Amino acid sequence: MNQYEMNPEHGLVFRPVGRNLKVGRWSLVDVRIDDPGMGLAMDARRIYHYGTLMGSFVRRDTEGVWHFVPVSVGHGSVSDQHGMNKILNRTGWNYRRNGGRPRYEFRGAVMFPVSQETRGV
């Protein structure tokens, strides 16, 4: 397995049993989330780098489509950038760190973290 395959749309089949796989300093954990009280049923693949949760791919049962949800920019390192960009390949998402500001962009628009500058405030 390589980092590209950590993206559930790129080949590694989701296994909702709390599976934990490693690729160097990167790891993934597959989990199933069921909360009938809130009407929530979904799969989540959590992506970690050096133990820091960087983001999750989530798929609701009603949709069947995986969506990326950024959680952290990590330390803003080159390693963070290279690994996340391999994982996010062909999703429209990119991890950028130029200008001293690590961030996630979706199709060129800054999506995370959201700052006053990003919101136009």
N, C-alpha and C. Protein backbone atom coordinates (compact mmCIF):
# COMPACT_ATOMS: atom_id res chain seq x y z
N MET A 1 0.84 -1.18 0.00
CA MET A 1 0.00 0.00 0.00
C MET A 1 0.89 1.24 0.00
N ASN A 2 0.44 2.28 -0.71
CA ASN A 2 1.13 3.57 -0.67
C ASN A 2 0.15 4.66 -0.25
N GLN A 3 0.65 5.90 -0.13
CA GLN A 3 -0.21 6.98 0.35
C GLN A 3 -1.39 7.24 -0.58
N TYR A 4 -1.18 7.16 -1.87
CA TYR A 4 -2.25 7.36 -2.84
C TYR A 4 -3.42 6.43 -2.55
N GLU A 5 -3.12 5.18 -2.20
CA GLU A 5 -4.16 4.18 -1.95
C GLU A 5 -4.88 4.39 -0.61
N MET A 6 -4.42 5.31 0.22
CA MET A 6 -5.12 5.59 1.48
C MET A 6 -6.46 6.27 1.22
N ASN A 7 -6.59 6.94 0.07
CA ASN A 7 -7.85 7.54 -0.32
C ASN A 7 -8.81 6.41 -0.70
N PRO A 8 -9.99 6.33 -0.09
CA PRO A 8 -10.89 5.20 -0.36
C PRO A 8 -11.35 5.11 -1.81
N GLU A 9 -11.24 6.18 -2.56
CA GLU A 9 -11.63 6.14 -3.97
C GLU A 9 -10.51 5.61 -4.86
N HIS A 10 -9.34 5.39 -4.29
CA HIS A 10 -8.18 4.98 -5.07
C HIS A 10 -7.80 3.51 -4.89
N GLY A 11 -8.68 2.71 -4.39
CA GLY A 11 -8.41 1.29 -4.42
C GLY A 11 -8.48 0.50 -3.14
N LEU A 12 -8.02 1.04 -2.00
CA LEU A 12 -8.03 0.26 -0.78
C LEU A 12 -9.46 0.19 -0.24
N VAL A 13 -10.01 -0.99 -0.21
CA VAL A 13 -11.40 -1.20 0.18
C VAL A 13 -11.60 -0.83 1.65
N PHE A 14 -12.70 -0.14 1.93
CA PHE A 14 -13.06 0.25 3.29
C PHE A 14 -13.44 -1.00 4.08
N ARG A 15 -12.90 -1.11 5.29
CA ARG A 15 -13.22 -2.22 6.18
C ARG A 15 -13.67 -1.64 7.53
N PRO A 16 -14.97 -1.60 7.79
CA PRO A 16 -15.48 -0.93 8.99
C PRO A 16 -15.27 -1.71 10.28
N VAL A 17 -14.05 -2.08 10.56
CA VAL A 17 -13.78 -2.86 11.77
C VAL A 17 -12.70 -2.17 12.63
N GLY A 18 -12.52 -0.87 12.44
CA GLY A 18 -11.49 -0.18 13.20
C GLY A 18 -10.10 -0.52 12.71
N ARG A 19 -9.99 -0.91 11.44
CA ARG A 19 -8.70 -1.30 10.86
C ARG A 19 -7.71 -0.14 10.97
N ASN A 20 -6.48 -0.48 11.30
CA ASN A 20 -5.41 0.50 11.40
C ASN A 20 -4.26 0.03 10.53
N LEU A 21 -3.98 0.76 9.45
CA LEU A 21 -2.88 0.43 8.55
C LEU A 21 -1.87 1.56 8.52
N LYS A 22 -0.61 1.22 8.30
CA LYS A 22 0.45 2.22 8.28
C LYS A 22 1.18 2.21 6.95
N VAL A 23 1.60 3.42 6.54
CA VAL A 23 2.49 3.64 5.41
C VAL A 23 3.54 4.61 5.92
N GLY A 24 4.67 4.09 6.36
CA GLY A 24 5.69 4.95 6.95
C GLY A 24 5.14 5.64 8.18
N ARG A 25 5.19 6.96 8.20
CA ARG A 25 4.68 7.75 9.33
C ARG A 25 3.22 8.12 9.18
N TRP A 26 2.58 7.59 8.15
CA TRP A 26 1.17 7.84 7.89
C TRP A 26 0.36 6.61 8.30
N SER A 27 -0.85 6.83 8.77
CA SER A 27 -1.72 5.70 9.09
C SER A 27 -3.16 6.06 8.79
N LEU A 28 -3.98 5.03 8.67
CA LEU A 28 -5.41 5.25 8.47
C LEU A 28 -6.17 4.33 9.41
N VAL A 29 -7.34 4.79 9.80
CA VAL A 29 -8.24 3.99 10.63
C VAL A 29 -9.63 4.07 9.99
N ASP A 30 -10.21 2.92 9.69
CA ASP A 30 -11.57 2.85 9.15
C ASP A 30 -12.53 2.64 10.31
N VAL A 31 -13.58 3.46 10.37
CA VAL A 31 -14.58 3.32 11.43
C VAL A 31 -15.98 3.46 10.85
N ARG A 32 -16.92 2.81 11.51
CA ARG A 32 -18.33 2.90 11.15
C ARG A 32 -19.01 3.74 12.21
N ILE A 33 -19.80 4.73 11.80
CA ILE A 33 -20.51 5.61 12.73
C ILE A 33 -22.00 5.41 12.52
N ASP A 34 -22.67 4.93 13.56
CA ASP A 34 -24.12 4.74 13.52
C ASP A 34 -24.74 5.43 14.73
N ASP A 35 -25.64 6.35 14.48
CA ASP A 35 -26.37 7.02 15.55
C ASP A 35 -27.82 7.17 15.10
N PRO A 36 -28.63 6.14 15.36
CA PRO A 36 -30.04 6.18 14.91
C PRO A 36 -30.80 7.37 15.48
N GLY A 37 -30.46 7.79 16.68
CA GLY A 37 -31.14 8.93 17.30
C GLY A 37 -30.97 10.22 16.50
N MET A 38 -29.82 10.36 15.84
CA MET A 38 -29.58 11.54 15.02
C MET A 38 -29.77 11.24 13.54
N GLY A 39 -30.15 10.01 13.24
CA GLY A 39 -30.34 9.63 11.84
C GLY A 39 -29.05 9.63 11.06
N LEU A 40 -27.97 9.28 11.74
CA LEU A 40 -26.65 9.32 11.12
C LEU A 40 -26.10 7.91 10.95
N ALA A 41 -25.73 7.59 9.73
CA ALA A 41 -25.09 6.31 9.43
C ALA A 41 -24.06 6.58 8.35
N MET A 42 -22.78 6.40 8.69
CA MET A 42 -21.75 6.68 7.71
C MET A 42 -20.46 5.94 8.02
N ASP A 43 -19.61 5.86 7.00
CA ASP A 43 -18.28 5.30 7.13
C ASP A 43 -17.30 6.46 7.17
N ALA A 44 -16.21 6.28 7.89
CA ALA A 44 -15.17 7.31 7.94
C ALA A 44 -13.80 6.65 7.87
N ARG A 45 -12.95 7.21 7.04
CA ARG A 45 -11.55 6.78 6.99
C ARG A 45 -10.74 7.97 7.49
N ARG A 46 -10.14 7.79 8.66
CA ARG A 46 -9.35 8.86 9.29
C ARG A 46 -7.89 8.73 8.88
N ILE A 47 -7.29 9.85 8.48
CA ILE A 47 -5.90 9.88 8.02
C ILE A 47 -5.04 10.59 9.07
N TYR A 48 -3.99 9.90 9.52
CA TYR A 48 -3.09 10.44 10.55
C TYR A 48 -1.67 10.55 10.01
N HIS A 49 -0.96 11.58 10.48
CA HIS A 49 0.47 11.74 10.17
C HIS A 49 1.18 11.99 11.50
N TYR A 50 2.11 11.12 11.86
CA TYR A 50 2.79 11.19 13.16
C TYR A 50 1.77 11.29 14.30
N GLY A 51 0.65 10.61 14.18
CA GLY A 51 -0.36 10.59 15.24
C GLY A 51 -1.32 11.77 15.22
N THR A 52 -1.14 12.73 14.31
CA THR A 52 -2.03 13.89 14.21
C THR A 52 -3.11 13.59 13.17
N LEU A 53 -4.37 13.71 13.58
CA LEU A 53 -5.47 13.52 12.64
C LEU A 53 -5.47 14.67 11.65
N MET A 54 -5.19 14.36 10.38
CA MET A 54 -5.11 15.39 9.34
C MET A 54 -6.47 15.63 8.68
N GLY A 55 -7.26 14.58 8.53
CA GLY A 55 -8.56 14.71 7.89
C GLY A 55 -9.23 13.35 7.81
N SER A 56 -10.46 13.38 7.33
CA SER A 56 -11.23 12.15 7.18
C SER A 56 -11.94 12.16 5.84
N PHE A 57 -12.08 10.97 5.29
CA PHE A 57 -12.98 10.78 4.16
C PHE A 57 -14.24 10.20 4.76
N VAL A 58 -15.39 10.78 4.44
CA VAL A 58 -16.66 10.29 4.99
C VAL A 58 -17.61 9.95 3.85
N ARG A 59 -18.46 8.96 4.12
CA ARG A 59 -19.44 8.52 3.14
C ARG A 59 -20.73 8.19 3.89
N ARG A 60 -21.78 8.97 3.62
CA ARG A 60 -23.09 8.66 4.21
C ARG A 60 -23.73 7.51 3.45
N ASP A 61 -24.46 6.69 4.17
CA ASP A 61 -25.12 5.55 3.53
C ASP A 61 -26.06 5.99 2.41
N THR A 62 -26.70 7.14 2.58
CA THR A 62 -27.68 7.59 1.59
C THR A 62 -27.02 8.10 0.31
N GLU A 63 -25.72 8.45 0.36
CA GLU A 63 -25.05 9.02 -0.81
C GLU A 63 -24.16 8.02 -1.53
N GLY A 64 -23.34 7.30 -0.77
CA GLY A 64 -22.39 6.38 -1.37
C GLY A 64 -21.17 7.04 -1.98
N VAL A 65 -21.01 8.35 -1.80
CA VAL A 65 -19.89 9.10 -2.35
C VAL A 65 -18.98 9.55 -1.21
N TRP A 66 -17.67 9.40 -1.42
CA TRP A 66 -16.70 9.83 -0.40
C TRP A 66 -16.44 11.33 -0.50
N HIS A 67 -16.39 12.01 0.66
CA HIS A 67 -16.08 13.44 0.74
C HIS A 67 -14.92 13.61 1.71
N PHE A 68 -14.00 14.52 1.40
CA PHE A 68 -12.88 14.80 2.30
C PHE A 68 -13.26 15.93 3.25
N VAL A 69 -12.92 15.75 4.53
CA VAL A 69 -13.17 16.76 5.55
C VAL A 69 -11.83 17.06 6.24
N PRO A 70 -11.25 18.25 6.01
CA PRO A 70 -9.98 18.58 6.67
C PRO A 70 -10.18 18.80 8.17
N VAL A 71 -9.20 18.35 8.95
CA VAL A 71 -9.28 18.50 10.41
C VAL A 71 -8.11 19.32 10.94
N SER A 72 -6.91 19.10 10.39
CA SER A 72 -5.71 19.77 10.88
C SER A 72 -4.73 19.97 9.73
N VAL A 73 -3.90 21.02 9.84
CA VAL A 73 -2.81 21.22 8.87
C VAL A 73 -1.52 20.62 9.41
N GLY A 74 -1.61 19.93 10.55
CA GLY A 74 -0.43 19.32 11.14
C GLY A 74 0.57 20.39 11.54
N HIS A 75 1.86 20.14 11.28
CA HIS A 75 2.90 21.11 11.61
C HIS A 75 3.20 22.04 10.43
N GLY A 76 2.53 21.84 9.31
CA GLY A 76 2.77 22.66 8.14
C GLY A 76 4.07 22.31 7.44
N SER A 77 4.50 21.07 7.59
CA SER A 77 5.79 20.65 7.05
C SER A 77 5.68 20.21 5.59
N VAL A 78 6.85 20.09 4.96
CA VAL A 78 6.92 19.56 3.60
C VAL A 78 6.36 18.14 3.58
N SER A 79 6.65 17.38 4.61
CA SER A 79 6.15 16.01 4.72
C SER A 79 4.62 16.00 4.78
N ASP A 80 4.02 16.93 5.53
CA ASP A 80 2.56 17.05 5.58
C ASP A 80 2.02 17.33 4.17
N GLN A 81 2.64 18.28 3.51
CA GLN A 81 2.19 18.69 2.18
C GLN A 81 2.29 17.55 1.16
N HIS A 82 3.45 16.93 1.08
CA HIS A 82 3.64 15.87 0.09
C HIS A 82 2.70 14.69 0.33
N GLY A 83 2.58 14.27 1.58
CA GLY A 83 1.72 13.13 1.89
C GLY A 83 0.26 13.42 1.60
N MET A 84 -0.24 14.57 2.06
CA MET A 84 -1.65 14.88 1.84
C MET A 84 -1.95 15.05 0.36
N ASN A 85 -1.03 15.64 -0.40
CA ASN A 85 -1.29 15.81 -1.83
C ASN A 85 -1.31 14.48 -2.57
N LYS A 86 -0.53 13.50 -2.10
CA LYS A 86 -0.62 12.16 -2.69
C LYS A 86 -1.98 11.54 -2.38
N ILE A 87 -2.42 11.68 -1.13
CA ILE A 87 -3.69 11.11 -0.71
C ILE A 87 -4.87 11.81 -1.40
N LEU A 88 -4.77 13.13 -1.58
CA LEU A 88 -5.87 13.92 -2.14
C LEU A 88 -5.85 13.98 -3.67
N ASN A 89 -4.91 13.31 -4.30
CA ASN A 89 -4.78 13.33 -5.75
C ASN A 89 -6.12 13.04 -6.44
N ARG A 90 -6.48 13.87 -7.39
CA ARG A 90 -7.71 13.74 -8.20
C ARG A 90 -8.99 14.00 -7.43
N THR A 91 -8.94 14.68 -6.31
CA THR A 91 -10.16 14.98 -5.56
C THR A 91 -10.59 16.43 -5.69
N GLY A 92 -9.72 17.28 -6.23
CA GLY A 92 -9.99 18.72 -6.26
C GLY A 92 -9.39 19.44 -5.06
N TRP A 93 -8.94 18.68 -4.05
CA TRP A 93 -8.32 19.25 -2.85
C TRP A 93 -6.80 19.29 -3.01
N ASN A 94 -6.17 20.32 -2.41
CA ASN A 94 -4.72 20.44 -2.34
C ASN A 94 -4.32 20.95 -0.97
N TYR A 95 -3.15 20.52 -0.52
CA TYR A 95 -2.56 21.05 0.72
C TYR A 95 -1.46 22.00 0.27
N ARG A 96 -1.54 23.25 0.69
CA ARG A 96 -0.56 24.27 0.30
C ARG A 96 0.14 24.79 1.55
N ARG A 97 1.37 25.23 1.38
CA ARG A 97 2.09 25.79 2.52
C ARG A 97 2.95 26.99 2.12
N ASN A 98 2.80 27.50 0.91
CA ASN A 98 3.58 28.66 0.51
C ASN A 98 3.12 29.90 1.28
N GLY A 99 4.01 30.85 1.46
CA GLY A 99 3.67 32.06 2.20
C GLY A 99 3.59 31.84 3.70
N GLY A 100 4.10 30.70 4.19
CA GLY A 100 4.10 30.44 5.62
C GLY A 100 2.73 30.13 6.19
N ARG A 101 1.77 29.83 5.32
CA ARG A 101 0.41 29.53 5.79
C ARG A 101 -0.04 28.17 5.28
N PRO A 102 0.14 27.12 6.07
CA PRO A 102 -0.37 25.82 5.64
C PRO A 102 -1.89 25.86 5.59
N ARG A 103 -2.45 25.27 4.53
CA ARG A 103 -3.90 25.33 4.36
C ARG A 103 -4.35 24.28 3.35
N TYR A 104 -5.63 23.99 3.38
CA TYR A 104 -6.26 23.13 2.39
C TYR A 104 -7.05 24.03 1.43
N GLU A 105 -6.91 23.74 0.14
CA GLU A 105 -7.68 24.45 -0.87
C GLU A 105 -8.51 23.44 -1.64
N PHE A 106 -9.71 23.87 -2.01
CA PHE A 106 -10.55 23.05 -2.88
C PHE A 106 -10.78 23.82 -4.15
N ARG A 107 -10.24 23.28 -5.24
CA ARG A 107 -10.32 23.91 -6.57
C ARG A 107 -9.89 25.38 -6.52
N GLY A 108 -8.80 25.63 -5.78
CA GLY A 108 -8.19 26.96 -5.74
C GLY A 108 -8.69 27.88 -4.64
N ALA A 109 -9.77 27.54 -3.96
CA ALA A 109 -10.30 28.39 -2.89
C ALA A 109 -9.86 27.83 -1.54
N VAL A 110 -9.36 28.71 -0.66
CA VAL A 110 -8.94 28.28 0.67
C VAL A 110 -10.17 27.84 1.45
N MET A 111 -10.12 26.61 1.98
CA MET A 111 -11.25 26.05 2.70
C MET A 111 -10.96 25.81 4.18
N PHE A 112 -9.69 25.60 4.53
CA PHE A 112 -9.34 25.29 5.91
C PHE A 112 -7.87 25.61 6.14
N PRO A 113 -7.46 26.23 7.23
CA PRO A 113 -8.36 26.83 8.21
C PRO A 113 -8.95 28.12 7.66
N VAL A 114 -10.13 28.45 8.12
CA VAL A 114 -10.80 29.67 7.67
C VAL A 114 -10.33 30.82 8.54
N SER A 115 -9.84 31.86 7.88
CA SER A 115 -9.38 33.05 8.60
C SER A 115 -10.25 34.24 8.20
N GLN A 116 -10.05 35.37 8.86
CA GLN A 116 -10.79 36.56 8.49
C GLN A 116 -10.48 36.96 7.06
N GLU A 117 -9.22 36.77 6.65
CA GLU A 117 -8.81 37.09 5.29
C GLU A 117 -9.55 36.21 4.29
N THR A 118 -9.67 34.93 4.62
CA THR A 118 -10.36 33.98 3.73
C THR A 118 -11.84 34.33 3.61
N ARG A 119 -12.45 34.74 4.73
CA ARG A 119 -13.88 35.07 4.71
C ARG A 119 -14.15 36.43 4.11
N GLY A 120 -13.09 37.22 3.86
CA GLY A 120 -13.29 38.56 3.31
C GLY A 120 -13.67 39.59 4.35
N VAL A 121 -13.34 39.31 5.62
CA VAL A 121 -13.69 40.23 6.72
C VAL A 121 -12.62 41.30 6.84
